[in-house]
Amino acid sequence: MTLLIRILRSRAVITLVTVAVLLAAWNAYLAVRAPSRVDADLKEQAESGQPVRVAVQLGFPAERFHTLELQKYGRVSGVDGKVIELRDVRPESVNAIARIYWVDEVHAAESPAS
């Protein structure tokens, strides 16, 4: 029994438990914060089940990394300063985009003039 207690009190185990708790807390924070980043109009559009066009607002000018990372969720149709526009985004991906820590807002993109 004393061996088990010594193992549980070791620095390695304490460090692993601390890291696991911090990661769980970070993921919980992102999950709780994500819905507040999505615009109400976009939520309604996503409920239809059809692919949507979204504008992703960043807190800084978009760089190549951010554009490439968001391509996982849809096709990039344009970048304008702090906004990256995506089209053909699956409805279930809207919340996944909002969970990304460097994304400030996700709202419906304006449809192109036909």
PDB file of N, CA and C in Angstrom:
ATOM      1  N   MET A   1       0.816  -1.193   0.000  1.00  0.00           N
ATOM      2  CA  MET A   1       0.000   0.000   0.000  1.00  0.00           C
ATOM      3  C   MET A   1       0.860   1.258   0.000  1.00  0.00           C
ATOM      4  N   THR A   2       1.960   1.220   0.704  1.00  0.00           N
ATOM      5  CA  THR A   2       2.815   2.401   0.736  1.00  0.00           C
ATOM      6  C   THR A   2       3.448   2.664  -0.626  1.00  0.00           C
ATOM      7  N   LEU A   3       3.689   1.600  -1.386  1.00  0.00           N
ATOM      8  CA  LEU A   3       4.237   1.783  -2.730  1.00  0.00           C
ATOM      9  C   LEU A   3       3.233   2.531  -3.613  1.00  0.00           C
ATOM     10  N   LEU A   4       1.965   2.151  -3.515  1.00  0.00           N
ATOM     11  CA  LEU A   4       0.917   2.819  -4.287  1.00  0.00           C
ATOM     12  C   LEU A   4       0.817   4.296  -3.901  1.00  0.00           C
ATOM     13  N   ILE A   5       0.881   4.587  -2.642  1.00  0.00           N
ATOM     14  CA  ILE A   5       0.820   5.979  -2.173  1.00  0.00           C
ATOM     15  C   ILE A   5       2.028   6.753  -2.671  1.00  0.00           C
ATOM     16  N   ARG A   6       3.195   6.132  -2.635  1.00  0.00           N
ATOM     17  CA  ARG A   6       4.400   6.809  -3.129  1.00  0.00           C
ATOM     18  C   ARG A   6       4.289   7.100  -4.615  1.00  0.00           C
ATOM     19  N   ILE A   7       3.732   6.150  -5.373  1.00  0.00           N
ATOM     20  CA  ILE A   7       3.566   6.358  -6.816  1.00  0.00           C
ATOM     21  C   ILE A   7       2.588   7.498  -7.075  1.00  0.00           C
ATOM     22  N   LEU A   8       1.457   7.498  -6.355  1.00  0.00           N
ATOM     23  CA  LEU A   8       0.449   8.540  -6.558  1.00  0.00           C
ATOM     24  C   LEU A   8       0.949   9.926  -6.156  1.00  0.00           C
ATOM     25  N   ARG A   9       1.890   9.987  -5.248  1.00  0.00           N
ATOM     26  CA  ARG A   9       2.445  11.268  -4.809  1.00  0.00           C
ATOM     27  C   ARG A   9       3.679  11.686  -5.606  1.00  0.00           C
ATOM     28  N   SER A  10       4.085  10.867  -6.549  1.00  0.00           N
ATOM     29  CA  SER A  10       5.281  11.203  -7.329  1.00  0.00           C
ATOM     30  C   SER A  10       5.008  12.408  -8.225  1.00  0.00           C
ATOM     31  N   ARG A  11       6.049  13.118  -8.559  1.00  0.00           N
ATOM     32  CA  ARG A  11       5.909  14.318  -9.396  1.00  0.00           C
ATOM     33  C   ARG A  11       5.340  14.001 -10.770  1.00  0.00           C
ATOM     34  N   ALA A  12       5.731  12.875 -11.324  1.00  0.00           N
ATOM     35  CA  ALA A  12       5.256  12.512 -12.660  1.00  0.00           C
ATOM     36  C   ALA A  12       3.742  12.319 -12.664  1.00  0.00           C
ATOM     37  N   VAL A  13       3.222  11.610 -11.687  1.00  0.00           N
ATOM     38  CA  VAL A  13       1.779  11.371 -11.621  1.00  0.00           C
ATOM     39  C   VAL A  13       1.042  12.679 -11.345  1.00  0.00           C
ATOM     40  N   ILE A  14       1.543  13.474 -10.439  1.00  0.00           N
ATOM     41  CA  ILE A  14       0.909  14.766 -10.135  1.00  0.00           C
ATOM     42  C   ILE A  14       0.911  15.656 -11.370  1.00  0.00           C
ATOM     43  N   THR A  15       2.008  15.662 -12.106  1.00  0.00           N
ATOM     44  CA  THR A  15       2.088  16.460 -13.332  1.00  0.00           C
ATOM     45  C   THR A  15       1.092  15.967 -14.373  1.00  0.00           C
ATOM     46  N   LEU A  16       1.014  14.661 -14.576  1.00  0.00           N
ATOM     47  CA  LEU A  16       0.071  14.101 -15.546  1.00  0.00           C
ATOM     48  C   LEU A  16      -1.374  14.419 -15.174  1.00  0.00           C
ATOM     49  N   VAL A  17      -1.705  14.290 -13.912  1.00  0.00           N
ATOM     50  CA  VAL A  17      -3.070  14.591 -13.467  1.00  0.00           C
ATOM     51  C   VAL A  17      -3.370  16.078 -13.653  1.00  0.00           C
ATOM     52  N   THR A  18      -2.419  16.929 -13.331  1.00  0.00           N
ATOM     53  CA  THR A  18      -2.608  18.369 -13.499  1.00  0.00           C
ATOM     54  C   THR A  18      -2.825  18.727 -14.963  1.00  0.00           C
ATOM     55  N   VAL A  19      -2.019  18.167 -15.842  1.00  0.00           N
ATOM     56  CA  VAL A  19      -2.167  18.430 -17.279  1.00  0.00           C
ATOM     57  C   VAL A  19      -3.518  17.925 -17.778  1.00  0.00           C
ATOM     58  N   ALA A  20      -3.926  16.751 -17.337  1.00  0.00           N
ATOM     59  CA  ALA A  20      -5.221  16.197 -17.756  1.00  0.00           C
ATOM     60  C   ALA A  20      -6.376  17.081 -17.292  1.00  0.00           C
ATOM     61  N   VAL A  21      -6.304  17.572 -16.074  1.00  0.00           N
ATOM     62  CA  VAL A  21      -7.358  18.455 -15.551  1.00  0.00           C
ATOM     63  C   VAL A  21      -7.381  19.772 -16.322  1.00  0.00           C
ATOM     64  N   LEU A  22      -6.215  20.333 -16.613  1.00  0.00           N
ATOM     65  CA  LEU A  22      -6.163  21.588 -17.372  1.00  0.00           C
ATOM     66  C   LEU A  22      -6.712  21.414 -18.786  1.00  0.00           C
ATOM     67  N   LEU A  23      -6.375  20.314 -19.447  1.00  0.00           N
ATOM     68  CA  LEU A  23      -6.908  20.054 -20.791  1.00  0.00           C
ATOM     69  C   LEU A  23      -8.421  19.873 -20.767  1.00  0.00           C
ATOM     70  N   ALA A  24      -8.920  19.167 -19.769  1.00  0.00           N
ATOM     71  CA  ALA A  24     -10.368  18.976 -19.649  1.00  0.00           C
ATOM     72  C   ALA A  24     -11.064  20.309 -19.393  1.00  0.00           C
ATOM     73  N   ALA A  25     -10.480  21.144 -18.555  1.00  0.00           N
ATOM     74  CA  ALA A  25     -11.065  22.460 -18.275  1.00  0.00           C
ATOM     75  C   ALA A  25     -11.053  23.334 -19.526  1.00  0.00           C
ATOM     76  N   TRP A  26      -9.966  23.296 -20.287  1.00  0.00           N
ATOM     77  CA  TRP A  26      -9.869  24.087 -21.522  1.00  0.00           C
ATOM     78  C   TRP A  26     -10.924  23.646 -22.533  1.00  0.00           C
ATOM     79  N   ASN A  27     -11.083  22.337 -22.712  1.00  0.00           N
ATOM     80  CA  ASN A  27     -12.090  21.829 -23.642  1.00  0.00           C
ATOM     81  C   ASN A  27     -13.501  22.158 -23.175  1.00  0.00           C
ATOM     82  N   ALA A  28     -13.739  22.114 -21.883  1.00  0.00           N
ATOM     83  CA  ALA A  28     -15.054  22.483 -21.355  1.00  0.00           C
ATOM     84  C   ALA A  28     -15.325  23.964 -21.606  1.00  0.00           C
ATOM     85  N   TYR A  29     -14.322  24.804 -21.398  1.00  0.00           N
ATOM     86  CA  TYR A  29     -14.464  26.242 -21.661  1.00  0.00           C
ATOM     87  C   TYR A  29     -14.806  26.491 -23.128  1.00  0.00           C
ATOM     88  N   LEU A  30     -14.102  25.837 -24.047  1.00  0.00           N
ATOM     89  CA  LEU A  30     -14.375  26.016 -25.474  1.00  0.00           C
ATOM     90  C   LEU A  30     -15.779  25.539 -25.827  1.00  0.00           C
ATOM     91  N   ALA A  31     -16.204  24.431 -25.243  1.00  0.00           N
ATOM     92  CA  ALA A  31     -17.538  23.899 -25.529  1.00  0.00           C
ATOM     93  C   ALA A  31     -18.633  24.830 -25.015  1.00  0.00           C
ATOM     94  N   VAL A  32     -18.413  25.435 -23.865  1.00  0.00           N
ATOM     95  CA  VAL A  32     -19.410  26.348 -23.294  1.00  0.00           C
ATOM     96  C   VAL A  32     -19.430  27.671 -24.054  1.00  0.00           C
ATOM     97  N   ARG A  33     -18.283  28.139 -24.474  1.00  0.00           N
ATOM     98  CA  ARG A  33     -18.193  29.442 -25.134  1.00  0.00           C
ATOM     99  C   ARG A  33     -18.612  29.396 -26.608  1.00  0.00           C
ATOM    100  N   ALA A  34     -18.481  28.265 -27.259  1.00  0.00           N
ATOM    101  CA  ALA A  34     -18.736  28.157 -28.699  1.00  0.00           C
ATOM    102  C   ALA A  34     -20.132  28.619 -29.121  1.00  0.00           C
ATOM    103  N   PRO A  35     -21.202  28.203 -28.469  1.00  0.00           N
ATOM    104  CA  PRO A  35     -22.531  28.632 -28.934  1.00  0.00           C
ATOM    105  C   PRO A  35     -22.730  30.147 -28.915  1.00  0.00           C
ATOM    106  N   SER A  36     -22.073  30.846 -28.016  1.00  0.00           N
ATOM    107  CA  SER A  36     -22.235  32.301 -27.956  1.00  0.00           C
ATOM    108  C   SER A  36     -21.494  33.013 -29.085  1.00  0.00           C
ATOM    109  N   ARG A  37     -20.617  32.327 -29.766  1.00  0.00           N
ATOM    110  CA  ARG A  37     -19.883  32.919 -30.881  1.00  0.00           C
ATOM    111  C   ARG A  37     -20.642  32.821 -32.197  1.00  0.00           C
ATOM    112  N   VAL A  38     -21.685  31.993 -32.252  1.00  0.00           N
ATOM    113  CA  VAL A  38     -22.429  31.767 -33.492  1.00  0.00           C
ATOM    114  C   VAL A  38     -23.636  32.699 -33.536  1.00  0.00           C
ATOM    115  N   ASP A  39     -23.779  33.414 -34.646  1.00  0.00           N
ATOM    116  CA  ASP A  39     -24.875  34.348 -34.862  1.00  0.00           C
ATOM    117  C   ASP A  39     -26.211  33.603 -34.929  1.00  0.00           C
ATOM    118  N   ALA A  40     -27.285  34.238 -34.457  1.00  0.00           N
ATOM    119  CA  ALA A  40     -28.613  33.616 -34.440  1.00  0.00           C
ATOM    120  C   ALA A  40     -29.098  33.272 -35.850  1.00  0.00           C
ATOM    121  N   ASP A  41     -28.846  34.160 -36.828  1.00  0.00           N
ATOM    122  CA  ASP A  41     -29.254  33.877 -38.211  1.00  0.00           C
ATOM    123  C   ASP A  41     -28.564  32.622 -38.741  1.00  0.00           C
ATOM    124  N   LEU A  42     -27.299  32.485 -38.424  1.00  0.00           N
ATOM    125  CA  LEU A  42     -26.553  31.316 -38.884  1.00  0.00           C
ATOM    126  C   LEU A  42     -27.070  30.046 -38.218  1.00  0.00           C
ATOM    127  N   LYS A  43     -27.438  30.125 -36.943  1.00  0.00           N
ATOM    128  CA  LYS A  43     -28.001  28.961 -36.258  1.00  0.00           C
ATOM    129  C   LYS A  43     -29.270  28.496 -36.962  1.00  0.00           C
ATOM    130  N   GLU A  44     -30.115  29.454 -37.359  1.00  0.00           N
ATOM    131  CA  GLU A  44     -31.355  29.107 -38.068  1.00  0.00           C
ATOM    132  C   GLU A  44     -31.050  28.452 -39.411  1.00  0.00           C
ATOM    133  N   GLN A  45     -30.093  29.013 -40.142  1.00  0.00           N
ATOM    134  CA  GLN A  45     -29.724  28.437 -41.437  1.00  0.00           C
ATOM    135  C   GLN A  45     -29.166  27.024 -41.271  1.00  0.00           C
ATOM    136  N   ALA A  46     -28.364  26.827 -40.239  1.00  0.00           N
ATOM    137  CA  ALA A  46     -27.744  25.515 -40.017  1.00  0.00           C
ATOM    138  C   ALA A  46     -28.785  24.463 -39.652  1.00  0.00           C
ATOM    139  N   GLU A  47     -29.866  24.877 -39.002  1.00  0.00           N
ATOM    140  CA  GLU A  47     -30.913  23.931 -38.619  1.00  0.00           C
ATOM    141  C   GLU A  47     -31.639  23.351 -39.824  1.00  0.00           C
ATOM    142  N   SER A  48     -31.525  24.011 -40.978  1.00  0.00           N
ATOM    143  CA  SER A  48     -32.183  23.501 -42.184  1.00  0.00           C
ATOM    144  C   SER A  48     -31.518  22.222 -42.690  1.00  0.00           C
ATOM    145  N   GLY A  49     -30.284  21.989 -42.277  1.00  0.00           N
ATOM    146  CA  GLY A  49     -29.572  20.787 -42.703  1.00  0.00           C
ATOM    147  C   GLY A  49     -28.799  20.952 -43.999  1.00  0.00           C
ATOM    148  N   GLN A  50     -28.948  22.080 -44.653  1.00  0.00           N
ATOM    149  CA  GLN A  50     -28.252  22.356 -45.909  1.00  0.00           C
ATOM    150  C   GLN A  50     -26.900  23.012 -45.624  1.00  0.00           C
ATOM    151  N   PRO A  51     -25.924  22.844 -46.519  1.00  0.00           N
ATOM    152  CA  PRO A  51     -24.648  23.550 -46.350  1.00  0.00           C
ATOM    153  C   PRO A  51     -24.876  25.061 -46.302  1.00  0.00           C
ATOM    154  N   VAL A  52     -24.085  25.740 -45.506  1.00  0.00           N
ATOM    155  CA  VAL A  52     -24.256  27.183 -45.309  1.00  0.00           C
ATOM    156  C   VAL A  52     -22.989  27.932 -45.687  1.00  0.00           C
ATOM    157  N   ARG A  53     -23.160  29.230 -45.913  1.00  0.00           N
ATOM    158  CA  ARG A  53     -22.034  30.134 -46.143  1.00  0.00           C
ATOM    159  C   ARG A  53     -21.784  30.871 -44.836  1.00  0.00           C
ATOM    160  N   VAL A  54     -20.539  30.886 -44.385  1.00  0.00           N
ATOM    161  CA  VAL A  54     -20.230  31.546 -43.121  1.00  0.00           C
ATOM    162  C   VAL A  54     -19.093  32.548 -43.292  1.00  0.00           C
ATOM    163  N   ALA A  55     -19.115  33.549 -42.436  1.00  0.00           N
ATOM    164  CA  ALA A  55     -18.023  34.510 -42.336  1.00  0.00           C
ATOM    165  C   ALA A  55     -17.422  34.331 -40.945  1.00  0.00           C
ATOM    166  N   VAL A  56     -16.152  34.025 -40.903  1.00  0.00           N
ATOM    167  CA  VAL A  56     -15.457  33.775 -39.642  1.00  0.00           C
ATOM    168  C   VAL A  56     -14.650  35.019 -39.296  1.00  0.00           C
ATOM    169  N   GLN A  57     -14.995  35.647 -38.179  1.00  0.00           N
ATOM    170  CA  GLN A  57     -14.341  36.873 -37.726  1.00  0.00           C
ATOM    171  C   GLN A  57     -13.218  36.506 -36.761  1.00  0.00           C
ATOM    172  N   LEU A  58     -12.018  36.973 -37.060  1.00  0.00           N
ATOM    173  CA  LEU A  58     -10.867  36.761 -36.188  1.00  0.00           C
ATOM    174  C   LEU A  58     -10.569  38.057 -35.448  1.00  0.00           C
ATOM    175  N   GLY A  59      -9.778  37.984 -34.422  1.00  0.00           N
ATOM    176  CA  GLY A  59      -9.398  39.173 -33.674  1.00  0.00           C
ATOM    177  C   GLY A  59      -8.140  39.829 -34.214  1.00  0.00           C
ATOM    178  N   PHE A  60      -7.680  39.383 -35.361  1.00  0.00           N
ATOM    179  CA  PHE A  60      -6.430  39.843 -35.955  1.00  0.00           C
ATOM    180  C   PHE A  60      -6.496  39.548 -37.442  1.00  0.00           C
ATOM    181  N   PRO A  61      -5.615  40.132 -38.252  1.00  0.00           N
ATOM    182  CA  PRO A  61      -5.631  39.828 -39.689  1.00  0.00           C
ATOM    183  C   PRO A  61      -5.344  38.345 -39.949  1.00  0.00           C
ATOM    184  N   ALA A  62      -6.140  37.768 -40.821  1.00  0.00           N
ATOM    185  CA  ALA A  62      -5.991  36.346 -41.143  1.00  0.00           C
ATOM    186  C   ALA A  62      -4.676  36.094 -41.867  1.00  0.00           C
ATOM    187  N   GLU A  63      -4.043  34.999 -41.511  1.00  0.00           N
ATOM    188  CA  GLU A  63      -2.807  34.590 -42.168  1.00  0.00           C
ATOM    189  C   GLU A  63      -3.047  33.262 -42.880  1.00  0.00           C
ATOM    190  N   ARG A  64      -2.065  32.818 -43.595  1.00  0.00           N
ATOM    191  CA  ARG A  64      -2.184  31.590 -44.386  1.00  0.00           C
ATOM    192  C   ARG A  64      -2.588  30.401 -43.516  1.00  0.00           C
ATOM    193  N   PHE A  65      -2.006  30.294 -42.338  1.00  0.00           N
ATOM    194  CA  PHE A  65      -2.325  29.187 -41.437  1.00  0.00           C
ATOM    195  C   PHE A  65      -3.820  29.118 -41.145  1.00  0.00           C
ATOM    196  N   HIS A  66      -4.416  30.267 -40.825  1.00  0.00           N
ATOM    197  CA  HIS A  66      -5.829  30.295 -40.463  1.00  0.00           C
ATOM    198  C   HIS A  66      -6.708  29.898 -41.646  1.00  0.00           C
ATOM    199  N   THR A  67      -6.332  30.370 -42.820  1.00  0.00           N
ATOM    200  CA  THR A  67      -7.082  30.024 -44.029  1.00  0.00           C
ATOM    201  C   THR A  67      -7.004  28.525 -44.289  1.00  0.00           C
ATOM    202  N   LEU A  68      -5.819  27.971 -44.194  1.00  0.00           N
ATOM    203  CA  LEU A  68      -5.648  26.534 -44.428  1.00  0.00           C
ATOM    204  C   LEU A  68      -6.377  25.708 -43.374  1.00  0.00           C
ATOM    205  N   GLU A  69      -6.355  26.160 -42.149  1.00  0.00           N
ATOM    206  CA  GLU A  69      -7.026  25.431 -41.071  1.00  0.00           C
ATOM    207  C   GLU A  69      -8.544  25.425 -41.268  1.00  0.00           C
ATOM    208  N   LEU A  70      -9.094  26.541 -41.715  1.00  0.00           N
ATOM    209  CA  LEU A  70     -10.544  26.620 -41.915  1.00  0.00           C
ATOM    210  C   LEU A  70     -11.003  25.877 -43.165  1.00  0.00           C
ATOM    211  N   GLN A  71     -10.080  25.553 -44.067  1.00  0.00           N
ATOM    212  CA  GLN A  71     -10.445  24.786 -45.255  1.00  0.00           C
ATOM    213  C   GLN A  71     -10.918  23.381 -44.898  1.00  0.00           C
ATOM    214  N   LYS A  72     -10.651  22.943 -43.698  1.00  0.00           N
ATOM    215  CA  LYS A  72     -11.134  21.636 -43.252  1.00  0.00           C
ATOM    216  C   LYS A  72     -12.660  21.616 -43.158  1.00  0.00           C
ATOM    217  N   TYR A  73     -13.259  22.790 -43.012  1.00  0.00           N
ATOM    218  CA  TYR A  73     -14.699  22.883 -42.762  1.00  0.00           C
ATOM    219  C   TYR A  73     -15.505  23.327 -43.974  1.00  0.00           C
ATOM    220  N   GLY A  74     -14.864  23.914 -44.952  1.00  0.00           N
ATOM    221  CA  GLY A  74     -15.569  24.377 -46.142  1.00  0.00           C
ATOM    222  C   GLY A  74     -14.588  24.994 -47.120  1.00  0.00           C
ATOM    223  N   ARG A  75     -15.133  25.474 -48.240  1.00  0.00           N
ATOM    224  CA  ARG A  75     -14.272  26.084 -49.253  1.00  0.00           C
ATOM    225  C   ARG A  75     -14.116  27.571 -48.970  1.00  0.00           C
ATOM    226  N   VAL A  76     -12.894  28.035 -48.945  1.00  0.00           N
ATOM    227  CA  VAL A  76     -12.630  29.452 -48.703  1.00  0.00           C
ATOM    228  C   VAL A  76     -13.008  30.227 -49.954  1.00  0.00           C
ATOM    229  N   SER A  77     -13.903  31.199 -49.773  1.00  0.00           N
ATOM    230  CA  SER A  77     -14.322  31.999 -50.924  1.00  0.00           C
ATOM    231  C   SER A  77     -13.730  33.398 -50.883  1.00  0.00           C
ATOM    232  N   GLY A  78     -13.064  33.733 -49.796  1.00  0.00           N
ATOM    233  CA  GLY A  78     -12.425  35.036 -49.739  1.00  0.00           C
ATOM    234  C   GLY A  78     -11.887  35.353 -48.357  1.00  0.00           C
ATOM    235  N   VAL A  79     -10.905  36.230 -48.346  1.00  0.00           N
ATOM    236  CA  VAL A  79     -10.325  36.716 -47.100  1.00  0.00           C
ATOM    237  C   VAL A  79     -10.275  38.228 -47.200  1.00  0.00           C
ATOM    238  N   ASP A  80     -10.826  38.895 -46.196  1.00  0.00           N
ATOM    239  CA  ASP A  80     -10.829  40.353 -46.180  1.00  0.00           C
ATOM    240  C   ASP A  80     -10.415  40.819 -44.791  1.00  0.00           C
ATOM    241  N   GLY A  81      -9.134  41.062 -44.625  1.00  0.00           N
ATOM    242  CA  GLY A  81      -8.632  41.518 -43.334  1.00  0.00           C
ATOM    243  C   GLY A  81      -8.792  40.459 -42.259  1.00  0.00           C
ATOM    244  N   LYS A  82      -9.729  40.718 -41.336  1.00  0.00           N
ATOM    245  CA  LYS A  82      -9.949  39.815 -40.212  1.00  0.00           C
ATOM    246  C   LYS A  82     -11.074  38.811 -40.459  1.00  0.00           C
ATOM    247  N   VAL A  83     -11.625  38.798 -41.662  1.00  0.00           N
ATOM    248  CA  VAL A  83     -12.768  37.930 -41.964  1.00  0.00           C
ATOM    249  C   VAL A  83     -12.393  36.925 -43.049  1.00  0.00           C
ATOM    250  N   ILE A  84     -12.704  35.661 -42.792  1.00  0.00           N
ATOM    251  CA  ILE A  84     -12.523  34.597 -43.780  1.00  0.00           C
ATOM    252  C   ILE A  84     -13.908  34.064 -44.116  1.00  0.00           C
ATOM    253  N   GLU A  85     -14.248  34.087 -45.395  1.00  0.00           N
ATOM    254  CA  GLU A  85     -15.554  33.581 -45.822  1.00  0.00           C
ATOM    255  C   GLU A  85     -15.413  32.153 -46.320  1.00  0.00           C
ATOM    256  N   LEU A  86     -16.321  31.311 -45.857  1.00  0.00           N
ATOM    257  CA  LEU A  86     -16.352  29.904 -46.251  1.00  0.00           C
ATOM    258  C   LEU A  86     -17.715  29.589 -46.845  1.00  0.00           C
ATOM    259  N   ARG A  87     -17.724  28.708 -47.824  1.00  0.00           N
ATOM    260  CA  ARG A  87     -19.000  28.242 -48.356  1.00  0.00           C
ATOM    261  C   ARG A  87     -19.034  26.729 -48.301  1.00  0.00           C
ATOM    262  N   ASP A  88     -20.220  26.194 -48.460  1.00  0.00           N
ATOM    263  CA  ASP A  88     -20.449  24.748 -48.384  1.00  0.00           C
ATOM    264  C   ASP A  88     -19.990  24.161 -47.048  1.00  0.00           C
ATOM    265  N   VAL A  89     -20.286  24.882 -45.973  1.00  0.00           N
ATOM    266  CA  VAL A  89     -19.951  24.408 -44.633  1.00  0.00           C
ATOM    267  C   VAL A  89     -21.101  23.536 -44.136  1.00  0.00           C
ATOM    268  N   ARG A  90     -20.783  22.333 -43.708  1.00  0.00           N
ATOM    269  CA  ARG A  90     -21.818  21.448 -43.167  1.00  0.00           C
ATOM    270  C   ARG A  90     -22.358  22.050 -41.867  1.00  0.00           C
ATOM    271  N   PRO A  91     -23.643  21.919 -41.618  1.00  0.00           N
ATOM    272  CA  PRO A  91     -24.233  22.507 -40.406  1.00  0.00           C
ATOM    273  C   PRO A  91     -23.541  22.072 -39.112  1.00  0.00           C
ATOM    274  N   GLU A  92     -23.119  20.822 -39.036  1.00  0.00           N
ATOM    275  CA  GLU A  92     -22.462  20.351 -37.812  1.00  0.00           C
ATOM    276  C   GLU A  92     -21.063  20.944 -37.644  1.00  0.00           C
ATOM    277  N   SER A  93     -20.507  21.495 -38.709  1.00  0.00           N
ATOM    278  CA  SER A  93     -19.174  22.097 -38.634  1.00  0.00           C
ATOM    279  C   SER A  93     -19.202  23.525 -38.100  1.00  0.00           C
ATOM    280  N   VAL A  94     -20.371  24.144 -38.079  1.00  0.00           N
ATOM    281  CA  VAL A  94     -20.465  25.528 -37.599  1.00  0.00           C
ATOM    282  C   VAL A  94     -20.010  25.607 -36.150  1.00  0.00           C
ATOM    283  N   ASN A  95     -20.487  24.697 -35.309  1.00  0.00           N
ATOM    284  CA  ASN A  95     -20.087  24.703 -33.908  1.00  0.00           C
ATOM    285  C   ASN A  95     -18.613  24.344 -33.755  1.00  0.00           C
ATOM    286  N   ALA A  96     -18.104  23.467 -34.609  1.00  0.00           N
ATOM    287  CA  ALA A  96     -16.680  23.102 -34.555  1.00  0.00           C
ATOM    288  C   ALA A  96     -15.803  24.312 -34.867  1.00  0.00           C
ATOM    289  N   ILE A  97     -16.237  25.135 -35.811  1.00  0.00           N
ATOM    290  CA  ILE A  97     -15.488  26.356 -36.133  1.00  0.00           C
ATOM    291  C   ILE A  97     -15.506  27.295 -34.933  1.00  0.00           C
ATOM    292  N   ALA A  98     -16.663  27.422 -34.296  1.00  0.00           N
ATOM    293  CA  ALA A  98     -16.792  28.325 -33.145  1.00  0.00           C
ATOM    294  C   ALA A  98     -15.949  27.868 -31.960  1.00  0.00           C
ATOM    295  N   ARG A  99     -15.606  26.589 -31.898  1.00  0.00           N
ATOM    296  CA  ARG A  99     -14.780  26.077 -30.795  1.00  0.00           C
ATOM    297  C   ARG A  99     -13.304  26.423 -30.943  1.00  0.00           C
ATOM    298  N   ILE A 100     -12.882  26.843 -32.117  1.00  0.00           N
ATOM    299  CA  ILE A 100     -11.471  27.179 -32.326  1.00  0.00           C
ATOM    300  C   ILE A 100     -11.151  28.429 -31.510  1.00  0.00           C
ATOM    301  N   TYR A 101     -10.111  28.368 -30.711  1.00  0.00           N
ATOM    302  CA  TYR A 101      -9.859  29.435 -29.748  1.00  0.00           C
ATOM    303  C   TYR A 101      -9.548  30.783 -30.377  1.00  0.00           C
ATOM    304  N   TRP A 102      -9.033  30.839 -31.606  1.00  0.00           N
ATOM    305  CA  TRP A 102      -8.694  32.121 -32.214  1.00  0.00           C
ATOM    306  C   TRP A 102      -9.833  32.699 -33.038  1.00  0.00           C
ATOM    307  N   VAL A 103     -10.977  32.063 -33.032  1.00  0.00           N
ATOM    308  CA  VAL A 103     -12.151  32.580 -33.740  1.00  0.00           C
ATOM    309  C   VAL A 103     -12.961  33.433 -32.774  1.00  0.00           C
ATOM    310  N   ASP A 104     -13.266  34.680 -33.187  1.00  0.00           N
ATOM    311  CA  ASP A 104     -14.070  35.572 -32.346  1.00  0.00           C
ATOM    312  C   ASP A 104     -15.563  35.384 -32.578  1.00  0.00           C
ATOM    313  N   GLU A 105     -15.983  35.355 -33.836  1.00  0.00           N
ATOM    314  CA  GLU A 105     -17.401  35.238 -34.172  1.00  0.00           C
ATOM    315  C   GLU A 105     -17.566  34.410 -35.433  1.00  0.00           C
ATOM    316  N   VAL A 106     -18.731  33.776 -35.548  1.00  0.00           N
ATOM    317  CA  VAL A 106     -19.098  33.067 -36.769  1.00  0.00           C
ATOM    318  C   VAL A 106     -20.500  33.544 -37.122  1.00  0.00           C
ATOM    319  N   HIS A 107     -20.644  34.130 -38.299  1.00  0.00           N
ATOM    320  CA  HIS A 107     -21.964  34.594 -38.706  1.00  0.00           C
ATOM    321  C   HIS A 107     -22.218  34.244 -40.158  1.00  0.00           C
ATOM    322  N   ALA A 108     -23.464  34.391 -40.564  1.00  0.00           N
ATOM    323  CA  ALA A 108     -23.850  34.053 -41.929  1.00  0.00           C
ATOM    324  C   ALA A 108     -23.196  35.028 -42.897  1.00  0.00           C
ATOM    325  N   ALA A 109     -22.612  34.481 -43.947  1.00  0.00           N
ATOM    326  CA  ALA A 109     -22.005  35.326 -44.983  1.00  0.00           C
ATOM    327  C   ALA A 109     -23.108  35.788 -45.924  1.00  0.00           C
ATOM    328  N   GLU A 110     -22.901  36.940 -46.490  1.00  0.00           N
ATOM    329  CA  GLU A 110     -23.872  37.452 -47.451  1.00  0.00           C
ATOM    330  C   GLU A 110     -23.805  36.610 -48.713  1.00  0.00           C
ATOM    331  N   SER A 111     -24.970  36.275 -49.238  1.00  0.00           N
ATOM    332  CA  SER A 111     -25.020  35.498 -50.478  1.00  0.00           C
ATOM    333  C   SER A 111     -24.561  36.368 -51.629  1.00  0.00           C
ATOM    334  N   PRO A 112     -23.837  35.782 -52.578  1.00  0.00           N
ATOM    335  CA  PRO A 112     -23.379  36.575 -53.721  1.00  0.00           C
ATOM    336  C   PRO A 112     -24.569  36.998 -54.580  1.00  0.00           C
ATOM    337  N   ALA A 113     -24.450  38.154 -55.188  1.00  0.00           N
ATOM    338  CA  ALA A 113     -25.515  38.639 -56.075  1.00  0.00           C
ATOM    339  C   ALA A 113     -25.590  37.737 -57.296  1.00  0.00           C
ATOM    340  N   SER A 114     -26.810  37.292 -57.634  1.00  0.00           N
ATOM    341  CA  SER A 114     -26.949  36.397 -58.781  1.00  0.00           C
ATOM    342  C   SER A 114     -27.264  37.157 -60.024  1.00  0.00           C
TER     343      SER A 114
END
